[in-house]
Amino acid sequence: MSAFEHLKKVLAETGTLTPEAVTAAEGEHGALSDEEKFWLESEKHKKETENRQTITMDDYLKASAVLDSAPEGSDEYNQALAIVEKFESGG
């Protein structure tokens, strides 16, 4: 099995590739071509984008309301805070 085939399998199973996994695969199976590296990065980005949760304005407004009414430190407050912070950071 080539490094490319091995890494395609890892990406399909885990949804991501670490630099360590790429280095290990290249050490064990041989170097990747530039085209293979490009393809793997493209697929990795696509999978990460598909798995990312998008926070809508409606989600943000609801979470903001919870922050105003829920006791600070409660589970409900902390979940709402995570939504607000993610939305405000562009996530």
C-alpha atoms as a PDB file:
ATOM      1  CA  MET A   1       0.000   0.000   0.000  1.00  0.00           C
ATOM      2  CA  SER A   2       1.342   3.437  -0.906  1.00  0.00           C
ATOM      3  CA  ALA A   3       1.506   6.336   1.537  1.00  0.00           C
ATOM      4  CA  PHE A   4      -1.255   8.027  -0.467  1.00  0.00           C
ATOM      5  CA  GLU A   5      -3.601   5.028  -0.211  1.00  0.00           C
ATOM      6  CA  HIS A   6      -2.812   4.639   3.491  1.00  0.00           C
ATOM      7  CA  LEU A   7      -3.528   8.317   4.203  1.00  0.00           C
ATOM      8  CA  LYS A   8      -6.748   8.245   2.153  1.00  0.00           C
ATOM      9  CA  LYS A   9      -7.892   5.388   4.387  1.00  0.00           C
ATOM     10  CA  VAL A  10      -6.924   7.262   7.569  1.00  0.00           C
ATOM     11  CA  LEU A  11      -8.714  10.388   6.346  1.00  0.00           C
ATOM     12  CA  ALA A  12     -11.863   8.412   5.537  1.00  0.00           C
ATOM     13  CA  GLU A  13     -11.868   6.753   8.964  1.00  0.00           C
ATOM     14  CA  THR A  14     -10.972   9.741  11.151  1.00  0.00           C
ATOM     15  CA  GLY A  15     -11.992  12.771   9.099  1.00  0.00           C
ATOM     16  CA  THR A  16      -8.610  14.443   9.579  1.00  0.00           C
ATOM     17  CA  LEU A  17      -4.880  14.000   9.084  1.00  0.00           C
ATOM     18  CA  THR A  18      -2.163  15.124  11.449  1.00  0.00           C
ATOM     19  CA  PRO A  19       1.305  16.131  10.279  1.00  0.00           C
ATOM     20  CA  GLU A  20       2.628  13.239  12.356  1.00  0.00           C
ATOM     21  CA  ALA A  21       0.412  10.752  10.489  1.00  0.00           C
ATOM     22  CA  VAL A  22       1.652  12.078   7.141  1.00  0.00           C
ATOM     23  CA  THR A  23       5.297  11.886   8.219  1.00  0.00           C
ATOM     24  CA  ALA A  24       4.838   8.359   9.573  1.00  0.00           C
ATOM     25  CA  ALA A  25       3.099   7.178   6.394  1.00  0.00           C
ATOM     26  CA  GLU A  26       5.805   8.668   4.194  1.00  0.00           C
ATOM     27  CA  GLY A  27       8.486   7.021   6.327  1.00  0.00           C
ATOM     28  CA  GLU A  28       6.773   3.656   6.114  1.00  0.00           C
ATOM     29  CA  HIS A  29       5.379   3.712   2.553  1.00  0.00           C
ATOM     30  CA  GLY A  30       7.395   6.308   0.620  1.00  0.00           C
ATOM     31  CA  ALA A  31       7.066   9.975  -0.257  1.00  0.00           C
ATOM     32  CA  LEU A  32       3.903  11.638  -1.512  1.00  0.00           C
ATOM     33  CA  SER A  33       3.840  13.515  -4.801  1.00  0.00           C
ATOM     34  CA  ASP A  34       2.801  17.164  -4.836  1.00  0.00           C
ATOM     35  CA  GLU A  35      -0.506  16.168  -6.474  1.00  0.00           C
ATOM     36  CA  GLU A  36      -1.190  13.609  -3.745  1.00  0.00           C
ATOM     37  CA  LYS A  37      -0.416  16.163  -1.011  1.00  0.00           C
ATOM     38  CA  PHE A  38      -2.720  18.679  -2.676  1.00  0.00           C
ATOM     39  CA  TRP A  39      -5.534  16.114  -2.971  1.00  0.00           C
ATOM     40  CA  LEU A  40      -5.187  15.048   0.670  1.00  0.00           C
ATOM     41  CA  GLU A  41      -5.203  18.667   1.912  1.00  0.00           C
ATOM     42  CA  SER A  42      -8.249  19.424  -0.236  1.00  0.00           C
ATOM     43  CA  GLU A  43     -10.168  16.420   1.093  1.00  0.00           C
ATOM     44  CA  LYS A  44      -9.097  17.189   4.672  1.00  0.00           C
ATOM     45  CA  HIS A  45     -10.378  20.756   4.332  1.00  0.00           C
ATOM     46  CA  LYS A  46     -13.651  19.547   2.810  1.00  0.00           C
ATOM     47  CA  LYS A  47     -14.242  17.072   5.653  1.00  0.00           C
ATOM     48  CA  GLU A  48     -13.409  19.665   8.314  1.00  0.00           C
ATOM     49  CA  THR A  49     -15.785  22.146   6.678  1.00  0.00           C
ATOM     50  CA  GLU A  50     -18.577  19.559   6.500  1.00  0.00           C
ATOM     51  CA  ASN A  51     -18.152  18.716  10.187  1.00  0.00           C
ATOM     52  CA  ARG A  52     -18.112  22.321  11.387  1.00  0.00           C
ATOM     53  CA  GLN A  53     -21.258  23.498  13.116  1.00  0.00           C
ATOM     54  CA  THR A  54     -22.494  26.848  11.847  1.00  0.00           C
ATOM     55  CA  ILE A  55     -23.990  29.228  14.390  1.00  0.00           C
ATOM     56  CA  THR A  56     -26.880  31.213  12.929  1.00  0.00           C
ATOM     57  CA  MET A  57     -27.963  34.683  13.995  1.00  0.00           C
ATOM     58  CA  ASP A  58     -31.076  33.100  15.523  1.00  0.00           C
ATOM     59  CA  ASP A  59     -28.882  30.717  17.579  1.00  0.00           C
ATOM     60  CA  TYR A  60     -26.782  33.687  18.688  1.00  0.00           C
ATOM     61  CA  LEU A  61     -29.804  35.753  19.743  1.00  0.00           C
ATOM     62  CA  LYS A  62     -31.333  32.855  21.683  1.00  0.00           C
ATOM     63  CA  ALA A  63     -28.023  32.178  23.428  1.00  0.00           C
ATOM     64  CA  SER A  64     -27.648  35.868  24.269  1.00  0.00           C
ATOM     65  CA  ALA A  65     -31.073  35.823  25.893  1.00  0.00           C
ATOM     66  CA  VAL A  66     -30.066  32.793  27.962  1.00  0.00           C
ATOM     67  CA  LEU A  67     -26.973  34.668  29.163  1.00  0.00           C
ATOM     68  CA  ASP A  68     -29.255  37.420  30.434  1.00  0.00           C
ATOM     69  CA  SER A  69     -31.554  35.057  32.338  1.00  0.00           C
ATOM     70  CA  ALA A  70     -29.622  31.928  33.393  1.00  0.00           C
ATOM     71  CA  PRO A  71     -27.487  31.833  36.535  1.00  0.00           C
ATOM     72  CA  GLU A  72     -23.830  32.376  35.727  1.00  0.00           C
ATOM     73  CA  GLY A  73     -21.867  29.130  35.871  1.00  0.00           C
ATOM     74  CA  SER A  74     -24.881  26.885  35.231  1.00  0.00           C
ATOM     75  CA  ASP A  75     -24.752  24.315  32.400  1.00  0.00           C
ATOM     76  CA  GLU A  76     -27.341  26.298  30.459  1.00  0.00           C
ATOM     77  CA  TYR A  77     -25.292  29.481  30.849  1.00  0.00           C
ATOM     78  CA  ASN A  78     -22.033  27.794  29.842  1.00  0.00           C
ATOM     79  CA  GLN A  79     -23.604  26.243  26.717  1.00  0.00           C
ATOM     80  CA  ALA A  80     -25.053  29.604  25.704  1.00  0.00           C
ATOM     81  CA  LEU A  81     -21.731  31.321  26.351  1.00  0.00           C
ATOM     82  CA  ALA A  82     -19.951  28.834  24.072  1.00  0.00           C
ATOM     83  CA  ILE A  83     -22.428  29.606  21.271  1.00  0.00           C
ATOM     84  CA  VAL A  84     -22.057  33.372  21.715  1.00  0.00           C
ATOM     85  CA  GLU A  85     -18.250  33.183  21.780  1.00  0.00           C
ATOM     86  CA  LYS A  86     -18.121  30.957  18.712  1.00  0.00           C
ATOM     87  CA  PHE A  87     -20.449  33.265  16.763  1.00  0.00           C
ATOM     88  CA  GLU A  88     -18.530  36.381  17.769  1.00  0.00           C
ATOM     89  CA  SER A  89     -15.213  34.791  16.770  1.00  0.00           C
ATOM     90  CA  GLY A  90     -16.523  34.127  13.261  1.00  0.00           C
ATOM     91  CA  GLY A  91     -17.190  30.425  13.743  1.00  0.00           C
END
